[in-house]
Amino acid sequence: MVTTISRILATGIVVFLGIWIVTDFALFGIGQLFMVCVGWALAYFGDDIAPLLGVTTSPSATRFVEPVVRGIGWLLLLVALGLFVARNWNIG
């Protein structure tokens, strides 16, 4: 249930930021769009994308990989969202 909500929320943030980036309201444009896409991939797929990043684990550490990969993805999404907010609402 938490994974489904997380995936829906991540996809919603990507759609929202994608629209604003394409309409040229983004601070960094293509760089911010790249950050959003990478963040979404990490937040959405989590453990499935870890081998593509070169993250290999032992059987005892497998349960810790998914939260870390998803956390990095959410960090990228929130940074991109923060940049959007800072530019468009003059915070900072």
PDB file of N, CA and C in Angstrom:
ATOM      1  N   MET A   1       0.818  -1.191   0.000  1.00  0.00           N
ATOM      2  CA  MET A   1       0.000   0.000   0.000  1.00  0.00           C
ATOM      3  C   MET A   1       0.862   1.255   0.000  1.00  0.00           C
ATOM      4  N   VAL A   2       1.893   1.283   0.839  1.00  0.00           N
ATOM      5  CA  VAL A   2       2.776   2.443   0.902  1.00  0.00           C
ATOM      6  C   VAL A   2       3.524   2.608  -0.418  1.00  0.00           C
ATOM      7  N   THR A   3       3.927   1.501  -1.022  1.00  0.00           N
ATOM      8  CA  THR A   3       4.630   1.561  -2.305  1.00  0.00           C
ATOM      9  C   THR A   3       3.729   2.119  -3.386  1.00  0.00           C
ATOM     10  N   THR A   4       2.466   1.730  -3.396  1.00  0.00           N
ATOM     11  CA  THR A   4       1.525   2.234  -4.397  1.00  0.00           C
ATOM     12  C   THR A   4       1.311   3.730  -4.227  1.00  0.00           C
ATOM     13  N   ILE A   5       1.124   4.187  -3.019  1.00  0.00           N
ATOM     14  CA  ILE A   5       0.949   5.615  -2.758  1.00  0.00           C
ATOM     15  C   ILE A   5       2.215   6.375  -3.144  1.00  0.00           C
ATOM     16  N   SER A   6       3.366   5.819  -2.832  1.00  0.00           N
ATOM     17  CA  SER A   6       4.633   6.444  -3.184  1.00  0.00           C
ATOM     18  C   SER A   6       4.784   6.565  -4.693  1.00  0.00           C
ATOM     19  N   ARG A   7       4.414   5.524  -5.419  1.00  0.00           N
ATOM     20  CA  ARG A   7       4.516   5.559  -6.874  1.00  0.00           C
ATOM     21  C   ARG A   7       3.549   6.578  -7.481  1.00  0.00           C
ATOM     22  N   ILE A   8       2.347   6.646  -6.969  1.00  0.00           N
ATOM     23  CA  ILE A   8       1.368   7.615  -7.472  1.00  0.00           C
ATOM     24  C   ILE A   8       1.834   9.036  -7.187  1.00  0.00           C
ATOM     25  N   LEU A   9       2.340   9.276  -5.994  1.00  0.00           N
ATOM     26  CA  LEU A   9       2.825  10.600  -5.623  1.00  0.00           C
ATOM     27  C   LEU A   9       4.035  11.000  -6.465  1.00  0.00           C
ATOM     28  N   ALA A  10       4.968  10.076  -6.668  1.00  0.00           N
ATOM     29  CA  ALA A  10       6.153  10.366  -7.493  1.00  0.00           C
ATOM     30  C   ALA A  10       5.749  10.687  -8.923  1.00  0.00           C
ATOM     31  N   THR A  11       4.811   9.938  -9.469  1.00  0.00           N
ATOM     32  CA  THR A  11       4.355  10.181 -10.831  1.00  0.00           C
ATOM     33  C   THR A  11       3.639  11.528 -10.929  1.00  0.00           C
ATOM     34  N   GLY A  12       2.862  11.872  -9.923  1.00  0.00           N
ATOM     35  CA  GLY A  12       2.193  13.168  -9.903  1.00  0.00           C
ATOM     36  C   GLY A  12       3.183  14.321  -9.872  1.00  0.00           C
ATOM     37  N   ILE A  13       4.233  14.198  -9.088  1.00  0.00           N
ATOM     38  CA  ILE A  13       5.259  15.242  -9.026  1.00  0.00           C
ATOM     39  C   ILE A  13       5.963  15.371 -10.369  1.00  0.00           C
ATOM     40  N   VAL A  14       6.255  14.238 -11.006  1.00  0.00           N
ATOM     41  CA  VAL A  14       6.920  14.274 -12.311  1.00  0.00           C
ATOM     42  C   VAL A  14       6.047  14.938 -13.361  1.00  0.00           C
ATOM     43  N   VAL A  15       4.780  14.625 -13.377  1.00  0.00           N
ATOM     44  CA  VAL A  15       3.874  15.250 -14.354  1.00  0.00           C
ATOM     45  C   VAL A  15       3.783  16.752 -14.095  1.00  0.00           C
ATOM     46  N   PHE A  16       3.616  17.136 -12.848  1.00  0.00           N
ATOM     47  CA  PHE A  16       3.529  18.551 -12.491  1.00  0.00           C
ATOM     48  C   PHE A  16       4.795  19.302 -12.901  1.00  0.00           C
ATOM     49  N   LEU A  17       5.954  18.782 -12.504  1.00  0.00           N
ATOM     50  CA  LEU A  17       7.200  19.456 -12.838  1.00  0.00           C
ATOM     51  C   LEU A  17       7.494  19.385 -14.333  1.00  0.00           C
ATOM     52  N   GLY A  18       7.131  18.290 -14.970  1.00  0.00           N
ATOM     53  CA  GLY A  18       7.355  18.170 -16.409  1.00  0.00           C
ATOM     54  C   GLY A  18       6.612  19.229 -17.191  1.00  0.00           C
ATOM     55  N   ILE A  19       5.375  19.480 -16.804  1.00  0.00           N
ATOM     56  CA  ILE A  19       4.583  20.523 -17.476  1.00  0.00           C
ATOM     57  C   ILE A  19       5.233  21.886 -17.284  1.00  0.00           C
ATOM     58  N   TRP A  20       5.658  22.189 -16.061  1.00  0.00           N
ATOM     59  CA  TRP A  20       6.251  23.492 -15.800  1.00  0.00           C
ATOM     60  C   TRP A  20       7.629  23.634 -16.431  1.00  0.00           C
ATOM     61  N   ILE A  21       8.368  22.559 -16.511  1.00  0.00           N
ATOM     62  CA  ILE A  21       9.691  22.623 -17.134  1.00  0.00           C
ATOM     63  C   ILE A  21       9.553  22.831 -18.637  1.00  0.00           C
ATOM     64  N   VAL A  22       8.623  22.125 -19.253  1.00  0.00           N
ATOM     65  CA  VAL A  22       8.420  22.257 -20.695  1.00  0.00           C
ATOM     66  C   VAL A  22       7.904  23.652 -21.050  1.00  0.00           C
ATOM     67  N   THR A  23       7.100  24.259 -20.192  1.00  0.00           N
ATOM     68  CA  THR A  23       6.592  25.601 -20.467  1.00  0.00           C
ATOM     69  C   THR A  23       7.566  26.693 -20.028  1.00  0.00           C
ATOM     70  N   ASP A  24       8.795  26.301 -19.716  1.00  0.00           N
ATOM     71  CA  ASP A  24       9.905  27.216 -19.450  1.00  0.00           C
ATOM     72  C   ASP A  24       9.755  28.025 -18.163  1.00  0.00           C
ATOM     73  N   PHE A  25       9.188  27.444 -17.154  1.00  0.00           N
ATOM     74  CA  PHE A  25       9.150  28.080 -15.845  1.00  0.00           C
ATOM     75  C   PHE A  25      10.195  27.480 -14.906  1.00  0.00           C
ATOM     76  N   ALA A  26      11.009  26.587 -15.404  1.00  0.00           N
ATOM     77  CA  ALA A  26      12.003  25.925 -14.571  1.00  0.00           C
ATOM     78  C   ALA A  26      13.267  26.770 -14.475  1.00  0.00           C
ATOM     79  N   LEU A  27      14.005  26.572 -13.407  1.00  0.00           N
ATOM     80  CA  LEU A  27      15.220  27.327 -13.176  1.00  0.00           C
ATOM     81  C   LEU A  27      16.350  26.843 -14.082  1.00  0.00           C
ATOM     82  N   PHE A  28      16.507  25.527 -14.219  1.00  0.00           N
ATOM     83  CA  PHE A  28      17.619  24.971 -14.978  1.00  0.00           C
ATOM     84  C   PHE A  28      17.185  24.232 -16.236  1.00  0.00           C
ATOM     85  N   GLY A  29      15.915  24.167 -16.518  1.00  0.00           N
ATOM     86  CA  GLY A  29      15.412  23.557 -17.744  1.00  0.00           C
ATOM     87  C   GLY A  29      15.754  22.093 -17.899  1.00  0.00           C
ATOM     88  N   ILE A  30      16.604  21.776 -18.857  1.00  0.00           N
ATOM     89  CA  ILE A  30      16.899  20.387 -19.195  1.00  0.00           C
ATOM     90  C   ILE A  30      17.606  19.662 -18.054  1.00  0.00           C
ATOM     91  N   GLY A  31      18.445  20.347 -17.316  1.00  0.00           N
ATOM     92  CA  GLY A  31      19.111  19.723 -16.165  1.00  0.00           C
ATOM     93  C   GLY A  31      18.110  19.335 -15.081  1.00  0.00           C
ATOM     94  N   GLN A  32      17.147  20.190 -14.853  1.00  0.00           N
ATOM     95  CA  GLN A  32      16.121  19.910 -13.858  1.00  0.00           C
ATOM     96  C   GLN A  32      15.210  18.785 -14.333  1.00  0.00           C
ATOM     97  N   LEU A  33      14.911  18.751 -15.620  1.00  0.00           N
ATOM     98  CA  LEU A  33      14.104  17.662 -16.168  1.00  0.00           C
ATOM     99  C   LEU A  33      14.833  16.327 -16.044  1.00  0.00           C
ATOM    100  N   PHE A  34      16.130  16.327 -16.281  1.00  0.00           N
ATOM    101  CA  PHE A  34      16.927  15.113 -16.109  1.00  0.00           C
ATOM    102  C   PHE A  34      16.907  14.660 -14.654  1.00  0.00           C
ATOM    103  N   MET A  35      17.051  15.603 -13.718  1.00  0.00           N
ATOM    104  CA  MET A  35      17.018  15.268 -12.295  1.00  0.00           C
ATOM    105  C   MET A  35      15.662  14.677 -11.901  1.00  0.00           C
ATOM    106  N   VAL A  36      14.591  15.233 -12.448  1.00  0.00           N
ATOM    107  CA  VAL A  36      13.246  14.737 -12.164  1.00  0.00           C
ATOM    108  C   VAL A  36      13.076  13.325 -12.694  1.00  0.00           C
ATOM    109  N   CYS A  37      13.535  13.075 -13.910  1.00  0.00           N
ATOM    110  CA  CYS A  37      13.388  11.738 -14.507  1.00  0.00           C
ATOM    111  C   CYS A  37      14.201  10.679 -13.767  1.00  0.00           C
ATOM    112  N   VAL A  38      15.421  11.011 -13.394  1.00  0.00           N
ATOM    113  CA  VAL A  38      16.245  10.064 -12.633  1.00  0.00           C
ATOM    114  C   VAL A  38      15.635   9.836 -11.256  1.00  0.00           C
ATOM    115  N   GLY A  39      15.199  10.904 -10.608  1.00  0.00           N
ATOM    116  CA  GLY A  39      14.558  10.766  -9.297  1.00  0.00           C
ATOM    117  C   GLY A  39      13.312   9.915  -9.355  1.00  0.00           C
ATOM    118  N   TRP A  40      12.501  10.106 -10.409  1.00  0.00           N
ATOM    119  CA  TRP A  40      11.291   9.304 -10.555  1.00  0.00           C
ATOM    120  C   TRP A  40      11.634   7.832 -10.754  1.00  0.00           C
ATOM    121  N   ALA A  41      12.618   7.562 -11.604  1.00  0.00           N
ATOM    122  CA  ALA A  41      13.004   6.166 -11.856  1.00  0.00           C
ATOM    123  C   ALA A  41      13.465   5.497 -10.571  1.00  0.00           C
ATOM    124  N   LEU A  42      14.257   6.186  -9.783  1.00  0.00           N
ATOM    125  CA  LEU A  42      14.735   5.600  -8.526  1.00  0.00           C
ATOM    126  C   LEU A  42      13.598   5.454  -7.515  1.00  0.00           C
ATOM    127  N   ALA A  43      12.733   6.456  -7.413  1.00  0.00           N
ATOM    128  CA  ALA A  43      11.636   6.394  -6.450  1.00  0.00           C
ATOM    129  C   ALA A  43      10.575   5.384  -6.866  1.00  0.00           C
ATOM    130  N   TYR A  44      10.353   5.214  -8.155  1.00  0.00           N
ATOM    131  CA  TYR A  44       9.299   4.321  -8.641  1.00  0.00           C
ATOM    132  C   TYR A  44       9.744   2.862  -8.631  1.00  0.00           C
ATOM    133  N   PHE A  45      10.925   2.591  -9.147  1.00  0.00           N
ATOM    134  CA  PHE A  45      11.356   1.204  -9.296  1.00  0.00           C
ATOM    135  C   PHE A  45      12.173   0.689  -8.117  1.00  0.00           C
ATOM    136  N   GLY A  46      12.872   1.548  -7.415  1.00  0.00           N
ATOM    137  CA  GLY A  46      13.603   1.164  -6.220  1.00  0.00           C
ATOM    138  C   GLY A  46      14.607   0.058  -6.438  1.00  0.00           C
ATOM    139  N   ASP A  47      14.359  -1.090  -5.841  1.00  0.00           N
ATOM    140  CA  ASP A  47      15.294  -2.203  -5.834  1.00  0.00           C
ATOM    141  C   ASP A  47      15.496  -2.805  -7.221  1.00  0.00           C
ATOM    142  N   ASP A  48      14.530  -2.664  -8.097  1.00  0.00           N
ATOM    143  CA  ASP A  48      14.657  -3.235  -9.438  1.00  0.00           C
ATOM    144  C   ASP A  48      15.726  -2.536 -10.266  1.00  0.00           C
ATOM    145  N   ILE A  49      15.982  -1.275  -9.989  1.00  0.00           N
ATOM    146  CA  ILE A  49      16.946  -0.512 -10.769  1.00  0.00           C
ATOM    147  C   ILE A  49      18.331  -0.499 -10.119  1.00  0.00           C
ATOM    148  N   ALA A  50      18.451  -1.015  -8.917  1.00  0.00           N
ATOM    149  CA  ALA A  50      19.728  -1.014  -8.208  1.00  0.00           C
ATOM    150  C   ALA A  50      20.848  -1.731  -8.969  1.00  0.00           C
ATOM    151  N   PRO A  51      20.620  -2.900  -9.583  1.00  0.00           N
ATOM    152  CA  PRO A  51      21.709  -3.533 -10.337  1.00  0.00           C
ATOM    153  C   PRO A  51      22.195  -2.692 -11.525  1.00  0.00           C
ATOM    154  N   LEU A  52      21.313  -1.884 -12.103  1.00  0.00           N
ATOM    155  CA  LEU A  52      21.728  -1.008 -13.192  1.00  0.00           C
ATOM    156  C   LEU A  52      22.690   0.070 -12.709  1.00  0.00           C
ATOM    157  N   LEU A  53      22.575   0.429 -11.441  1.00  0.00           N
ATOM    158  CA  LEU A  53      23.462   1.428 -10.851  1.00  0.00           C
ATOM    159  C   LEU A  53      24.752   0.821 -10.330  1.00  0.00           C
ATOM    160  N   GLY A  54      24.861  -0.507 -10.405  1.00  0.00           N
ATOM    161  CA  GLY A  54      26.047  -1.189  -9.913  1.00  0.00           C
ATOM    162  C   GLY A  54      25.974  -1.541  -8.443  1.00  0.00           C
ATOM    163  N   VAL A  55      24.803  -1.484  -7.858  1.00  0.00           N
ATOM    164  CA  VAL A  55      24.634  -1.820  -6.448  1.00  0.00           C
ATOM    165  C   VAL A  55      24.326  -3.314  -6.343  1.00  0.00           C
ATOM    166  N   THR A  56      25.256  -4.043  -5.785  1.00  0.00           N
ATOM    167  CA  THR A  56      25.038  -5.474  -5.541  1.00  0.00           C
ATOM    168  C   THR A  56      25.068  -5.689  -4.041  1.00  0.00           C
ATOM    169  N   THR A  57      24.279  -6.624  -3.584  1.00  0.00           N
ATOM    170  CA  THR A  57      24.163  -6.826  -2.149  1.00  0.00           C
ATOM    171  C   THR A  57      24.294  -8.295  -1.805  1.00  0.00           C
ATOM    172  N   SER A  58      24.559  -8.496  -0.554  1.00  0.00           N
ATOM    173  CA  SER A  58      24.525  -9.857  -0.029  1.00  0.00           C
ATOM    174  C   SER A  58      23.089 -10.148   0.393  1.00  0.00           C
ATOM    175  N   PRO A  59      22.749 -11.404   0.575  1.00  0.00           N
ATOM    176  CA  PRO A  59      21.365 -11.720   0.971  1.00  0.00           C
ATOM    177  C   PRO A  59      20.918 -11.053   2.276  1.00  0.00           C
ATOM    178  N   SER A  60      21.859 -10.807   3.177  1.00  0.00           N
ATOM    179  CA  SER A  60      21.474 -10.196   4.445  1.00  0.00           C
ATOM    180  C   SER A  60      21.246  -8.684   4.320  1.00  0.00           C
ATOM    181  N   ALA A  61      21.786  -8.059   3.297  1.00  0.00           N
ATOM    182  CA  ALA A  61      21.654  -6.613   3.137  1.00  0.00           C
ATOM    183  C   ALA A  61      20.594  -6.223   2.123  1.00  0.00           C
ATOM    184  N   THR A  62      19.925  -7.174   1.526  1.00  0.00           N
ATOM    185  CA  THR A  62      18.950  -6.889   0.481  1.00  0.00           C
ATOM    186  C   THR A  62      17.813  -5.999   0.970  1.00  0.00           C
ATOM    187  N   ARG A  63      17.380  -6.202   2.190  1.00  0.00           N
ATOM    188  CA  ARG A  63      16.237  -5.423   2.699  1.00  0.00           C
ATOM    189  C   ARG A  63      16.573  -3.951   2.920  1.00  0.00           C
ATOM    190  N   PHE A  64      17.857  -3.616   2.946  1.00  0.00           N
ATOM    191  CA  PHE A  64      18.240  -2.219   3.159  1.00  0.00           C
ATOM    192  C   PHE A  64      18.441  -1.452   1.856  1.00  0.00           C
ATOM    193  N   VAL A  65      18.569  -2.149   0.750  1.00  0.00           N
ATOM    194  CA  VAL A  65      18.882  -1.483  -0.519  1.00  0.00           C
ATOM    195  C   VAL A  65      17.691  -0.692  -1.038  1.00  0.00           C
ATOM    196  N   GLU A  66      16.515  -1.282  -1.037  1.00  0.00           N
ATOM    197  CA  GLU A  66      15.346  -0.612  -1.608  1.00  0.00           C
ATOM    198  C   GLU A  66      15.032   0.719  -0.924  1.00  0.00           C
ATOM    199  N   PRO A  67      15.002   0.803   0.408  1.00  0.00           N
ATOM    200  CA  PRO A  67      14.724   2.107   1.024  1.00  0.00           C
ATOM    201  C   PRO A  67      15.786   3.160   0.698  1.00  0.00           C
ATOM    202  N   VAL A  68      17.038   2.750   0.574  1.00  0.00           N
ATOM    203  CA  VAL A  68      18.094   3.711   0.261  1.00  0.00           C
ATOM    204  C   VAL A  68      17.947   4.220  -1.168  1.00  0.00           C
ATOM    205  N   VAL A  69      17.708   3.311  -2.109  1.00  0.00           N
ATOM    206  CA  VAL A  69      17.545   3.722  -3.511  1.00  0.00           C
ATOM    207  C   VAL A  69      16.306   4.593  -3.671  1.00  0.00           C
ATOM    208  N   ARG A  70      15.201   4.198  -3.059  1.00  0.00           N
ATOM    209  CA  ARG A  70      13.986   5.023  -3.126  1.00  0.00           C
ATOM    210  C   ARG A  70      14.193   6.370  -2.437  1.00  0.00           C
ATOM    211  N   GLY A  71      14.930   6.381  -1.347  1.00  0.00           N
ATOM    212  CA  GLY A  71      15.226   7.633  -0.641  1.00  0.00           C
ATOM    213  C   GLY A  71      16.041   8.595  -1.490  1.00  0.00           C
ATOM    214  N   ILE A  72      17.007   8.079  -2.222  1.00  0.00           N
ATOM    215  CA  ILE A  72      17.798   8.921  -3.125  1.00  0.00           C
ATOM    216  C   ILE A  72      16.900   9.483  -4.228  1.00  0.00           C
ATOM    217  N   GLY A  73      16.005   8.652  -4.740  1.00  0.00           N
ATOM    218  CA  GLY A  73      15.067   9.124  -5.753  1.00  0.00           C
ATOM    219  C   GLY A  73      14.175  10.229  -5.237  1.00  0.00           C
ATOM    220  N   TRP A  74      13.643  10.044  -4.029  1.00  0.00           N
ATOM    221  CA  TRP A  74      12.787  11.074  -3.443  1.00  0.00           C
ATOM    222  C   TRP A  74      13.573  12.341  -3.144  1.00  0.00           C
ATOM    223  N   LEU A  75      14.831  12.199  -2.766  1.00  0.00           N
ATOM    224  CA  LEU A  75      15.664  13.369  -2.530  1.00  0.00           C
ATOM    225  C   LEU A  75      15.816  14.180  -3.815  1.00  0.00           C
ATOM    226  N   LEU A  76      16.084  13.505  -4.929  1.00  0.00           N
ATOM    227  CA  LEU A  76      16.196  14.202  -6.209  1.00  0.00           C
ATOM    228  C   LEU A  76      14.881  14.878  -6.603  1.00  0.00           C
ATOM    229  N   LEU A  77      13.760  14.185  -6.392  1.00  0.00           N
ATOM    230  CA  LEU A  77      12.460  14.785  -6.705  1.00  0.00           C
ATOM    231  C   LEU A  77      12.183  16.020  -5.848  1.00  0.00           C
ATOM    232  N   LEU A  78      12.507  15.933  -4.572  1.00  0.00           N
ATOM    233  CA  LEU A  78      12.238  17.057  -3.680  1.00  0.00           C
ATOM    234  C   LEU A  78      13.167  18.234  -3.947  1.00  0.00           C
ATOM    235  N   VAL A  79      14.405  17.963  -4.351  1.00  0.00           N
ATOM    236  CA  VAL A  79      15.314  19.054  -4.722  1.00  0.00           C
ATOM    237  C   VAL A  79      14.784  19.766  -5.959  1.00  0.00           C
ATOM    238  N   ALA A  80      14.351  19.001  -6.955  1.00  0.00           N
ATOM    239  CA  ALA A  80      13.794  19.610  -8.167  1.00  0.00           C
ATOM    240  C   ALA A  80      12.535  20.407  -7.848  1.00  0.00           C
ATOM    241  N   LEU A  81      11.698  19.880  -6.978  1.00  0.00           N
ATOM    242  CA  LEU A  81      10.489  20.600  -6.571  1.00  0.00           C
ATOM    243  C   LEU A  81      10.848  21.862  -5.790  1.00  0.00           C
ATOM    244  N   GLY A  82      11.860  21.771  -4.944  1.00  0.00           N
ATOM    245  CA  GLY A  82      12.319  22.943  -4.192  1.00  0.00           C
ATOM    246  C   GLY A  82      12.867  24.035  -5.088  1.00  0.00           C
ATOM    247  N   LEU A  83      13.612  23.644  -6.137  1.00  0.00           N
ATOM    248  CA  LEU A  83      14.102  24.635  -7.097  1.00  0.00           C
ATOM    249  C   LEU A  83      12.954  25.323  -7.819  1.00  0.00           C
ATOM    250  N   PHE A  84      11.945  24.544  -8.155  1.00  0.00           N
ATOM    251  CA  PHE A  84      10.768  25.113  -8.807  1.00  0.00           C
ATOM    252  C   PHE A  84      10.075  26.114  -7.888  1.00  0.00           C
ATOM    253  N   VAL A  85       9.872  25.738  -6.648  1.00  0.00           N
ATOM    254  CA  VAL A  85       9.206  26.619  -5.690  1.00  0.00           C
ATOM    255  C   VAL A  85      10.038  27.870  -5.448  1.00  0.00           C
ATOM    256  N   ALA A  86      11.342  27.719  -5.307  1.00  0.00           N
ATOM    257  CA  ALA A  86      12.214  28.870  -5.036  1.00  0.00           C
ATOM    258  C   ALA A  86      12.193  29.877  -6.184  1.00  0.00           C
ATOM    259  N   ARG A  87      12.114  29.395  -7.406  1.00  0.00           N
ATOM    260  CA  ARG A  87      12.109  30.314  -8.550  1.00  0.00           C
ATOM    261  C   ARG A  87      10.763  30.988  -8.725  1.00  0.00           C
ATOM    262  N   ASN A  88       9.697  30.234  -8.601  1.00  0.00           N
ATOM    263  CA  ASN A  88       8.388  30.763  -8.959  1.00  0.00           C
ATOM    264  C   ASN A  88       7.662  31.471  -7.824  1.00  0.00           C
ATOM    265  N   TRP A  89       8.056  31.257  -6.611  1.00  0.00           N
ATOM    266  CA  TRP A  89       7.426  31.955  -5.499  1.00  0.00           C
ATOM    267  C   TRP A  89       8.400  32.812  -4.717  1.00  0.00           C
ATOM    268  N   ASN A  90       9.549  33.078  -5.314  1.00  0.00           N
ATOM    269  CA  ASN A  90      10.556  33.979  -4.753  1.00  0.00           C
ATOM    270  C   ASN A  90      10.940  33.666  -3.325  1.00  0.00           C
ATOM    271  N   ILE A  91      11.151  32.395  -3.060  1.00  0.00           N
ATOM    272  CA  ILE A  91      11.624  31.968  -1.736  1.00  0.00           C
ATOM    273  C   ILE A  91      13.129  31.789  -1.863  1.00  0.00           C
ATOM    274  N   GLY A  92      13.865  32.603  -1.246  1.00  0.00           N
ATOM    275  CA  GLY A  92      15.328  32.463  -1.283  1.00  0.00           C
ATOM    276  C   GLY A  92      16.041  33.308  -2.248  1.00  0.00           C
TER     277      GLY A  92
END
